[in-house]
C-alpha cells in the first residue's frame, strides 16, 4: 500500500472520528422524542390539575439546546399561577435527560389539543410570575418566561443530564 493511500485512509478515519465527537451521544429525532415524552409526563404528574403540556426542543450545535413548555390550564388563576410555573420548571429540570441552554415556559387557557400547534399567539401574561420568581424583566418575552441554564441550576439543581 502506498504512503499516499495510507495517509488518505488515516485522514478519512480522523475526519470520521472528529465528526462523531461533535455529535452528542444518542442524539437524533428518536432521542428528542424520548426526551420530550419524559418531560411532558413529568410536568403532567407535577401538575395534575393542568389540562396537559406540550414540549418541543430546538438544537443549534452540539451543546446549544433549548426547550419550550406550554401549559394548558382551565383558568389561569393569578393566585396559583406562580406555584404552577415553579412546579413545572422544577419538573422539567428534574426530569430532563439532556441539559438545556434555556427553557421557555408559556401558559394558555383551555384543553391540550391532540396535535398542538408549534406556536400560539394568545398566551397568559406571566410577567408578574417573573417578578415573584426573581427573574429579570428581560426574561419575559411576549408574556412567556425564559429561564436561563444558570437560573434553573441555581433554583432547581443540576439537570438530569445523561449525555
N, C-alpha and C. Protein backbone atom coordinates (compact mmCIF):
# COMPACT_ATOMS: atom_id res chain seq x y z
N UNK A 1 0.85 -1.17 0.00
CA UNK A 1 0.00 0.00 0.00
C UNK A 1 0.90 1.24 0.00
N UNK A 2 0.57 2.19 -0.84
CA UNK A 2 1.39 3.39 -0.96
C UNK A 2 1.19 4.30 0.24
N UNK A 3 2.18 5.16 0.45
CA UNK A 3 2.10 6.12 1.56
C UNK A 3 0.91 7.07 1.38
N UNK A 4 0.65 7.47 0.14
CA UNK A 4 -0.48 8.37 -0.11
C UNK A 4 -1.80 7.70 0.27
N UNK A 5 -1.93 6.44 -0.07
CA UNK A 5 -3.17 5.74 0.25
C UNK A 5 -3.33 5.58 1.76
N UNK A 6 -2.25 5.25 2.45
CA UNK A 6 -2.30 5.12 3.91
C UNK A 6 -2.65 6.46 4.54
N UNK A 7 -2.04 7.53 4.04
CA UNK A 7 -2.33 8.87 4.57
C UNK A 7 -3.79 9.25 4.33
N UNK A 8 -4.30 8.91 3.15
CA UNK A 8 -5.69 9.22 2.83
C UNK A 8 -6.64 8.44 3.74
N UNK A 9 -6.35 7.17 3.97
CA UNK A 9 -7.19 6.36 4.86
C UNK A 9 -7.15 6.90 6.29
N UNK A 10 -5.97 7.27 6.75
CA UNK A 10 -5.84 7.84 8.09
C UNK A 10 -6.60 9.16 8.21
N UNK A 11 -6.49 9.99 7.18
CA UNK A 11 -7.19 11.28 7.20
C UNK A 11 -8.70 11.07 7.22
N UNK A 12 -9.18 10.12 6.43
CA UNK A 12 -10.61 9.82 6.41
C UNK A 12 -11.07 9.32 7.78
N UNK A 13 -10.29 8.43 8.37
CA UNK A 13 -10.64 7.92 9.70
C UNK A 13 -10.66 9.02 10.74
N UNK A 14 -9.68 9.91 10.69
CA UNK A 14 -9.63 11.02 11.64
C UNK A 14 -10.83 11.95 11.46
N UNK A 15 -11.20 12.20 10.21
CA UNK A 15 -12.36 13.05 9.94
C UNK A 15 -13.63 12.44 10.51
N UNK A 16 -13.81 11.15 10.30
CA UNK A 16 -15.00 10.47 10.83
C UNK A 16 -15.03 10.52 12.35
N UNK A 17 -13.88 10.31 12.99
CA UNK A 17 -13.82 10.40 14.45
C UNK A 17 -14.13 11.80 14.94
N UNK A 18 -13.62 12.80 14.24
CA UNK A 18 -13.88 14.19 14.63
C UNK A 18 -15.36 14.52 14.51
N UNK A 19 -15.97 14.11 13.41
CA UNK A 19 -17.40 14.37 13.23
C UNK A 19 -18.23 13.64 14.27
N UNK A 20 -17.85 12.42 14.60
CA UNK A 20 -18.59 11.67 15.62
C UNK A 20 -18.47 12.34 16.98
N UNK A 21 -17.33 12.93 17.27
CA UNK A 21 -17.13 13.60 18.56
C UNK A 21 -17.96 14.86 18.66
N UNK A 22 -18.28 15.48 17.53
CA UNK A 22 -19.07 16.72 17.55
C UNK A 22 -20.54 16.45 17.86
N UNK A 23 -21.03 15.28 17.53
CA UNK A 23 -22.45 14.98 17.75
C UNK A 23 -22.63 14.44 19.16
N UNK A 24 -23.63 14.93 19.90
CA UNK A 24 -23.87 14.41 21.23
C UNK A 24 -24.31 12.95 21.16
N UNK A 25 -23.89 12.17 22.11
CA UNK A 25 -24.23 10.76 22.16
C UNK A 25 -25.74 10.60 22.20
N UNK A 26 -26.24 9.73 21.35
CA UNK A 26 -27.66 9.42 21.37
C UNK A 26 -28.55 10.53 20.85
N UNK A 27 -28.04 11.42 20.04
CA UNK A 27 -28.88 12.50 19.53
C UNK A 27 -29.67 12.00 18.34
N UNK A 28 -30.61 12.78 17.93
CA UNK A 28 -31.42 12.44 16.78
C UNK A 28 -32.89 12.54 17.10
N UNK A 29 -33.73 12.40 16.08
CA UNK A 29 -35.17 12.56 16.27
C UNK A 29 -35.76 11.61 17.32
N UNK A 30 -35.32 10.34 17.32
CA UNK A 30 -35.86 9.39 18.30
C UNK A 30 -35.48 9.80 19.72
N UNK A 31 -34.25 10.23 19.88
CA UNK A 31 -33.78 10.65 21.21
C UNK A 31 -34.53 11.91 21.66
N UNK A 32 -34.76 12.85 20.75
CA UNK A 32 -35.51 14.06 21.08
C UNK A 32 -36.95 13.72 21.46
N UNK A 33 -37.58 12.82 20.71
CA UNK A 33 -38.96 12.42 21.01
C UNK A 33 -39.04 11.77 22.38
N UNK A 34 -38.04 10.97 22.72
CA UNK A 34 -38.00 10.33 24.04
C UNK A 34 -37.87 11.38 25.15
N UNK A 35 -36.99 12.36 24.96
CA UNK A 35 -36.80 13.42 25.95
C UNK A 35 -38.08 14.23 26.12
N UNK A 36 -38.74 14.54 25.02
CA UNK A 36 -39.99 15.30 25.07
C UNK A 36 -41.05 14.52 25.84
N UNK A 37 -41.17 13.22 25.57
CA UNK A 37 -42.17 12.40 26.26
C UNK A 37 -41.89 12.34 27.76
N UNK A 38 -40.63 12.23 28.14
CA UNK A 38 -40.25 12.18 29.56
C UNK A 38 -40.64 13.48 30.25
N UNK A 39 -40.33 14.60 29.63
CA UNK A 39 -40.63 15.91 30.23
C UNK A 39 -42.14 16.14 30.29
N UNK A 40 -42.86 15.83 29.21
CA UNK A 40 -44.32 16.01 29.23
C UNK A 40 -44.96 15.19 30.35
N UNK A 41 -44.49 13.96 30.53
CA UNK A 41 -45.03 13.10 31.58
C UNK A 41 -44.72 13.68 32.96
N UNK A 42 -43.50 14.16 33.17
CA UNK A 42 -43.11 14.73 34.47
C UNK A 42 -43.91 15.98 34.80
N UNK A 43 -44.11 16.84 33.81
CA UNK A 43 -44.88 18.07 34.04
C UNK A 43 -46.34 17.72 34.34
N UNK A 44 -46.89 16.77 33.61
CA UNK A 44 -48.27 16.35 33.85
C UNK A 44 -48.44 15.76 35.24
N UNK A 45 -47.46 14.99 35.70
CA UNK A 45 -47.53 14.42 37.05
C UNK A 45 -47.39 15.50 38.12
N UNK A 46 -46.56 16.50 37.86
CA UNK A 46 -46.36 17.59 38.83
C UNK A 46 -47.56 18.52 38.89
N UNK A 47 -48.34 18.56 37.82
CA UNK A 47 -49.50 19.46 37.73
C UNK A 47 -50.75 18.68 37.34
N UNK A 48 -51.27 17.85 38.24
CA UNK A 48 -52.42 17.02 37.88
C UNK A 48 -53.67 17.81 37.53
N UNK A 49 -53.73 19.06 37.95
CA UNK A 49 -54.89 19.90 37.67
C UNK A 49 -54.79 20.60 36.31
N UNK A 50 -53.66 20.49 35.66
CA UNK A 50 -53.49 21.10 34.33
C UNK A 50 -54.13 20.20 33.28
N UNK A 51 -54.44 20.78 32.15
CA UNK A 51 -55.05 20.04 31.05
C UNK A 51 -54.03 19.47 30.08
N UNK A 52 -52.79 19.42 30.51
CA UNK A 52 -51.75 18.85 29.68
C UNK A 52 -50.61 19.83 29.45
N UNK A 53 -49.60 19.31 28.80
CA UNK A 53 -48.42 20.10 28.47
C UNK A 53 -47.99 19.74 27.06
N UNK A 54 -47.35 20.68 26.42
CA UNK A 54 -46.77 20.47 25.10
C UNK A 54 -45.31 20.87 25.21
N UNK A 55 -44.42 20.01 24.76
CA UNK A 55 -42.99 20.27 24.86
C UNK A 55 -42.37 20.14 23.48
N UNK A 56 -41.48 21.04 23.17
CA UNK A 56 -40.72 20.96 21.94
C UNK A 56 -39.30 21.41 22.23
N UNK A 57 -38.37 20.94 21.42
CA UNK A 57 -36.96 21.30 21.60
C UNK A 57 -36.41 21.86 20.30
N UNK A 58 -35.32 22.58 20.44
CA UNK A 58 -34.57 23.09 19.29
C UNK A 58 -33.09 22.95 19.61
N UNK A 59 -32.31 22.67 18.60
CA UNK A 59 -30.88 22.49 18.77
C UNK A 59 -30.14 23.34 17.76
N UNK A 60 -29.11 24.00 18.23
CA UNK A 60 -28.24 24.78 17.36
C UNK A 60 -26.81 24.45 17.74
N UNK A 61 -26.28 23.41 17.16
CA UNK A 61 -24.95 22.95 17.53
C UNK A 61 -25.06 21.86 18.59
N UNK A 62 -23.94 21.21 18.90
CA UNK A 62 -23.99 20.06 19.80
C UNK A 62 -24.36 20.39 21.24
N UNK A 63 -24.12 21.60 21.70
CA UNK A 63 -24.39 21.90 23.10
C UNK A 63 -25.40 23.00 23.33
N UNK A 64 -26.07 23.44 22.29
CA UNK A 64 -26.99 24.57 22.41
C UNK A 64 -28.43 24.08 22.21
N UNK A 65 -28.99 23.51 23.28
CA UNK A 65 -30.36 23.01 23.23
C UNK A 65 -31.28 23.95 23.98
N UNK A 66 -32.45 24.18 23.43
CA UNK A 66 -33.47 24.96 24.12
C UNK A 66 -34.75 24.13 24.15
N UNK A 67 -35.61 24.48 25.09
CA UNK A 67 -36.86 23.75 25.23
C UNK A 67 -37.99 24.74 25.46
N UNK A 68 -39.14 24.46 24.88
CA UNK A 68 -40.34 25.23 25.13
C UNK A 68 -41.35 24.30 25.78
N UNK A 69 -41.94 24.75 26.90
CA UNK A 69 -43.00 24.00 27.56
C UNK A 69 -44.23 24.89 27.60
N UNK A 70 -45.32 24.37 27.05
CA UNK A 70 -46.60 25.09 27.07
C UNK A 70 -47.53 24.35 28.03
N UNK A 71 -48.06 25.09 28.99
CA UNK A 71 -49.01 24.53 29.95
C UNK A 71 -50.42 24.87 29.50
N UNK A 72 -51.29 23.89 29.48
CA UNK A 72 -52.70 24.10 29.18
C UNK A 72 -53.46 24.10 30.50
N UNK A 73 -54.15 25.20 30.80
CA UNK A 73 -54.83 25.37 32.08
C UNK A 73 -56.29 25.74 31.85
N UNK A 74 -57.16 25.33 32.78
CA UNK A 74 -58.58 25.72 32.70
C UNK A 74 -58.70 27.23 32.81
N UNK A 75 -58.25 27.76 33.92
CA UNK A 75 -58.28 29.20 34.15
C UNK A 75 -56.95 29.56 34.77
N UNK A 76 -56.33 30.56 34.22
CA UNK A 76 -55.03 30.99 34.74
C UNK A 76 -55.27 31.85 35.98
N UNK A 77 -55.41 31.21 37.12
CA UNK A 77 -55.67 31.89 38.38
C UNK A 77 -54.39 32.56 38.86
N UNK A 78 -54.37 33.90 38.94
CA UNK A 78 -53.16 34.59 39.39
C UNK A 78 -52.68 34.12 40.76
N UNK A 79 -53.60 33.66 41.60
CA UNK A 79 -53.22 33.20 42.93
C UNK A 79 -52.40 31.92 42.93
N UNK A 80 -52.57 31.10 41.91
CA UNK A 80 -51.85 29.83 41.86
C UNK A 80 -50.86 29.74 40.70
N UNK A 81 -50.83 30.74 39.86
CA UNK A 81 -50.01 30.67 38.66
C UNK A 81 -48.51 30.61 38.97
N UNK A 82 -48.06 31.36 39.97
CA UNK A 82 -46.64 31.32 40.31
C UNK A 82 -46.24 29.92 40.75
N UNK A 83 -47.05 29.30 41.61
CA UNK A 83 -46.75 27.95 42.07
C UNK A 83 -46.78 26.97 40.90
N UNK A 84 -47.73 27.14 40.00
CA UNK A 84 -47.83 26.27 38.83
C UNK A 84 -46.57 26.36 37.98
N UNK A 85 -46.12 27.57 37.71
CA UNK A 85 -44.91 27.76 36.90
C UNK A 85 -43.69 27.21 37.62
N UNK A 86 -43.59 27.47 38.91
CA UNK A 86 -42.47 26.97 39.72
C UNK A 86 -42.42 25.44 39.67
N UNK A 87 -43.55 24.80 39.87
CA UNK A 87 -43.60 23.34 39.85
C UNK A 87 -43.28 22.78 38.46
N UNK A 88 -43.76 23.45 37.43
CA UNK A 88 -43.48 23.00 36.06
C UNK A 88 -41.99 23.10 35.76
N UNK A 89 -41.37 24.23 36.09
CA UNK A 89 -39.94 24.40 35.83
C UNK A 89 -39.13 23.38 36.62
N UNK A 90 -39.51 23.13 37.86
CA UNK A 90 -38.82 22.13 38.68
C UNK A 90 -38.96 20.74 38.10
N UNK A 91 -40.14 20.40 37.58
CA UNK A 91 -40.35 19.09 36.97
C UNK A 91 -39.52 18.93 35.71
N UNK A 92 -39.42 19.99 34.92
CA UNK A 92 -38.58 19.95 33.72
C UNK A 92 -37.14 19.69 34.12
N UNK A 93 -36.64 20.47 35.06
CA UNK A 93 -35.24 20.36 35.46
C UNK A 93 -34.92 18.99 36.04
N UNK A 94 -35.83 18.43 36.82
CA UNK A 94 -35.59 17.14 37.45
C UNK A 94 -35.68 15.97 36.47
N UNK A 95 -36.43 16.14 35.40
CA UNK A 95 -36.68 15.01 34.50
C UNK A 95 -35.92 15.07 33.19
N UNK A 96 -35.44 16.22 32.83
CA UNK A 96 -34.86 16.38 31.50
C UNK A 96 -33.63 15.48 31.34
N UNK A 97 -33.62 14.62 30.32
CA UNK A 97 -32.48 13.73 30.16
C UNK A 97 -31.27 14.38 29.50
N UNK A 98 -31.41 15.63 29.03
CA UNK A 98 -30.30 16.34 28.40
C UNK A 98 -30.37 17.79 28.85
N UNK A 99 -29.24 18.32 29.26
CA UNK A 99 -29.23 19.71 29.74
C UNK A 99 -29.61 20.66 28.61
N UNK A 100 -30.18 21.79 28.99
CA UNK A 100 -30.61 22.78 28.01
C UNK A 100 -29.99 24.13 28.33
N UNK A 101 -29.84 24.94 27.31
CA UNK A 101 -29.31 26.28 27.47
C UNK A 101 -30.37 27.20 28.06
N UNK A 102 -31.62 27.02 27.64
CA UNK A 102 -32.71 27.82 28.20
C UNK A 102 -34.03 27.08 28.07
N UNK A 103 -34.95 27.45 28.95
CA UNK A 103 -36.30 26.92 28.96
C UNK A 103 -37.26 28.08 28.77
N UNK A 104 -38.12 27.99 27.79
CA UNK A 104 -39.19 28.96 27.61
C UNK A 104 -40.47 28.30 28.09
N UNK A 105 -41.19 29.00 28.96
CA UNK A 105 -42.43 28.46 29.50
C UNK A 105 -43.56 29.41 29.18
N UNK A 106 -44.63 28.86 28.63
CA UNK A 106 -45.81 29.66 28.32
C UNK A 106 -47.05 28.93 28.82
N UNK A 107 -48.10 29.69 29.09
CA UNK A 107 -49.36 29.12 29.56
C UNK A 107 -50.49 29.61 28.67
N UNK A 108 -51.39 28.71 28.36
CA UNK A 108 -52.58 29.06 27.59
C UNK A 108 -53.79 28.46 28.30
N UNK A 109 -54.92 29.12 28.14
CA UNK A 109 -56.15 28.60 28.74
C UNK A 109 -56.81 27.63 27.77
N UNK A 110 -57.32 26.54 28.32
CA UNK A 110 -58.03 25.56 27.52
C UNK A 110 -57.43 24.18 27.63
N UNK A 111 -57.97 23.28 26.82
CA UNK A 111 -57.51 21.90 26.79
C UNK A 111 -56.40 21.72 25.77
N UNK A 112 -55.53 20.76 26.04
CA UNK A 112 -54.46 20.44 25.09
C UNK A 112 -55.08 19.71 23.90
N UNK A 113 -54.89 20.27 22.70
CA UNK A 113 -55.42 19.57 21.53
C UNK A 113 -54.59 18.31 21.23
N UNK A 114 -55.16 17.35 20.51
CA UNK A 114 -54.42 16.13 20.17
C UNK A 114 -53.12 16.44 19.42
N UNK A 115 -53.15 17.42 18.55
CA UNK A 115 -51.95 17.85 17.82
C UNK A 115 -51.74 19.34 18.08
N UNK A 116 -51.05 19.69 19.17
CA UNK A 116 -50.87 21.11 19.48
C UNK A 116 -50.09 21.83 18.38
N UNK A 117 -50.46 23.06 18.11
CA UNK A 117 -49.69 23.84 17.13
C UNK A 117 -48.31 24.16 17.69
N UNK A 118 -47.35 24.35 16.81
CA UNK A 118 -46.00 24.69 17.27
C UNK A 118 -45.97 26.05 17.94
N UNK A 119 -46.77 26.96 17.47
CA UNK A 119 -46.78 28.30 18.05
C UNK A 119 -48.20 28.74 18.35
N UNK A 120 -48.33 29.56 19.38
CA UNK A 120 -49.63 30.15 19.73
C UNK A 120 -49.42 31.63 19.99
N UNK A 121 -50.43 32.42 19.69
CA UNK A 121 -50.33 33.87 19.89
C UNK A 121 -50.93 34.30 21.22
N UNK A 122 -52.05 33.69 21.61
CA UNK A 122 -52.74 34.08 22.83
C UNK A 122 -52.20 33.29 24.02
N UNK A 123 -51.30 33.90 24.77
CA UNK A 123 -50.76 33.26 25.96
C UNK A 123 -51.13 34.08 27.19
N UNK A 124 -51.12 33.43 28.33
CA UNK A 124 -51.34 34.12 29.60
C UNK A 124 -50.08 34.92 29.89
N UNK A 125 -50.23 36.19 30.23
CA UNK A 125 -49.08 37.04 30.53
C UNK A 125 -48.47 36.63 31.87
N UNK A 126 -47.24 36.15 31.84
CA UNK A 126 -46.56 35.66 33.04
C UNK A 126 -45.60 36.69 33.64
N UNK A 127 -45.75 37.95 33.28
CA UNK A 127 -44.84 39.00 33.76
C UNK A 127 -44.79 39.05 35.29
N UNK A 128 -45.95 39.00 35.95
CA UNK A 128 -45.95 39.09 37.41
C UNK A 128 -45.33 37.85 38.05
N UNK A 129 -45.41 36.71 37.37
CA UNK A 129 -44.78 35.49 37.87
C UNK A 129 -43.27 35.65 37.85
N UNK A 130 -42.75 36.30 36.83
CA UNK A 130 -41.31 36.54 36.74
C UNK A 130 -40.82 37.31 37.95
N UNK A 131 -41.54 38.35 38.31
CA UNK A 131 -41.15 39.14 39.48
C UNK A 131 -41.16 38.28 40.74
N UNK A 132 -42.20 37.48 40.91
CA UNK A 132 -42.32 36.65 42.11
C UNK A 132 -41.25 35.56 42.17
N UNK A 133 -40.77 35.11 41.02
CA UNK A 133 -39.72 34.09 40.98
C UNK A 133 -38.32 34.69 40.95
N UNK A 134 -38.24 36.01 40.94
CA UNK A 134 -36.93 36.66 40.95
C UNK A 134 -36.25 36.70 39.60
N UNK A 135 -37.01 36.60 38.53
CA UNK A 135 -36.44 36.71 37.19
C UNK A 135 -36.38 38.17 36.78
N UNK A 136 -35.39 38.50 35.99
CA UNK A 136 -35.26 39.87 35.50
C UNK A 136 -36.34 40.16 34.45
N UNK A 137 -36.65 41.43 34.28
CA UNK A 137 -37.69 41.84 33.32
C UNK A 137 -37.37 41.35 31.91
N UNK A 138 -36.10 41.27 31.56
CA UNK A 138 -35.73 40.82 30.22
C UNK A 138 -35.99 39.33 30.01
N UNK A 139 -36.35 38.63 31.09
CA UNK A 139 -36.68 37.21 31.00
C UNK A 139 -38.12 36.97 30.59
N UNK A 140 -38.85 38.05 30.33
CA UNK A 140 -40.25 37.93 29.87
C UNK A 140 -40.31 38.46 28.44
N UNK A 141 -40.74 37.60 27.54
CA UNK A 141 -40.87 37.98 26.13
C UNK A 141 -42.27 37.59 25.68
N UNK A 142 -43.06 38.58 25.30
CA UNK A 142 -44.44 38.35 24.84
C UNK A 142 -45.25 37.53 25.84
N UNK A 143 -45.04 37.79 27.13
CA UNK A 143 -45.79 37.10 28.18
C UNK A 143 -45.22 35.74 28.57
N UNK A 144 -44.22 35.27 27.84
CA UNK A 144 -43.58 33.98 28.11
C UNK A 144 -42.37 34.20 29.01
N UNK A 145 -42.06 33.20 29.84
CA UNK A 145 -40.88 33.28 30.69
C UNK A 145 -39.73 32.52 30.05
N UNK A 146 -38.55 33.12 30.14
CA UNK A 146 -37.35 32.47 29.64
C UNK A 146 -36.41 32.26 30.82
N UNK A 147 -36.17 31.00 31.14
CA UNK A 147 -35.28 30.62 32.24
C UNK A 147 -33.92 30.26 31.65
N UNK A 148 -32.86 30.87 32.15
CA UNK A 148 -31.52 30.53 31.69
C UNK A 148 -31.06 29.24 32.38
N UNK A 149 -30.06 28.60 31.82
CA UNK A 149 -29.47 27.40 32.43
C UNK A 149 -28.99 27.72 33.84
N UNK A 150 -28.34 28.88 34.01
CA UNK A 150 -27.83 29.25 35.34
C UNK A 150 -28.96 29.40 36.35
N UNK A 151 -30.04 30.06 35.95
CA UNK A 151 -31.18 30.23 36.87
C UNK A 151 -31.75 28.87 37.25
N UNK A 152 -31.95 28.01 36.26
CA UNK A 152 -32.51 26.68 36.53
C UNK A 152 -31.62 25.89 37.48
N UNK A 153 -30.33 25.95 37.26
CA UNK A 153 -29.41 25.21 38.12
C UNK A 153 -29.38 25.79 39.53
N UNK A 154 -29.35 27.12 39.64
CA UNK A 154 -29.36 27.75 40.97
C UNK A 154 -30.64 27.44 41.73
N UNK A 155 -31.77 27.47 41.05
CA UNK A 155 -33.07 27.32 41.71
C UNK A 155 -33.48 25.87 41.91
N UNK A 156 -33.16 25.01 40.93
CA UNK A 156 -33.67 23.63 40.95
C UNK A 156 -32.59 22.56 40.98
N UNK A 157 -31.34 22.94 40.92
CA UNK A 157 -30.26 21.96 40.96
C UNK A 157 -29.81 21.56 39.57
N UNK A 158 -28.85 20.66 39.54
CA UNK A 158 -28.26 20.21 38.27
C UNK A 158 -29.29 19.42 37.47
N UNK A 159 -29.13 19.48 36.16
CA UNK A 159 -30.02 18.73 35.28
C UNK A 159 -29.73 17.25 35.39
N UNK A 160 -30.71 16.47 35.02
CA UNK A 160 -30.58 15.02 34.98
C UNK A 160 -29.94 14.66 33.64
N UNK A 161 -28.72 15.14 33.41
CA UNK A 161 -28.06 15.05 32.11
C UNK A 161 -27.41 13.68 31.94
N UNK A 162 -27.89 12.91 30.97
CA UNK A 162 -27.33 11.58 30.73
C UNK A 162 -26.50 11.52 29.46
N UNK A 163 -26.32 12.61 28.77
CA UNK A 163 -25.48 12.62 27.56
C UNK A 163 -24.03 12.55 27.95
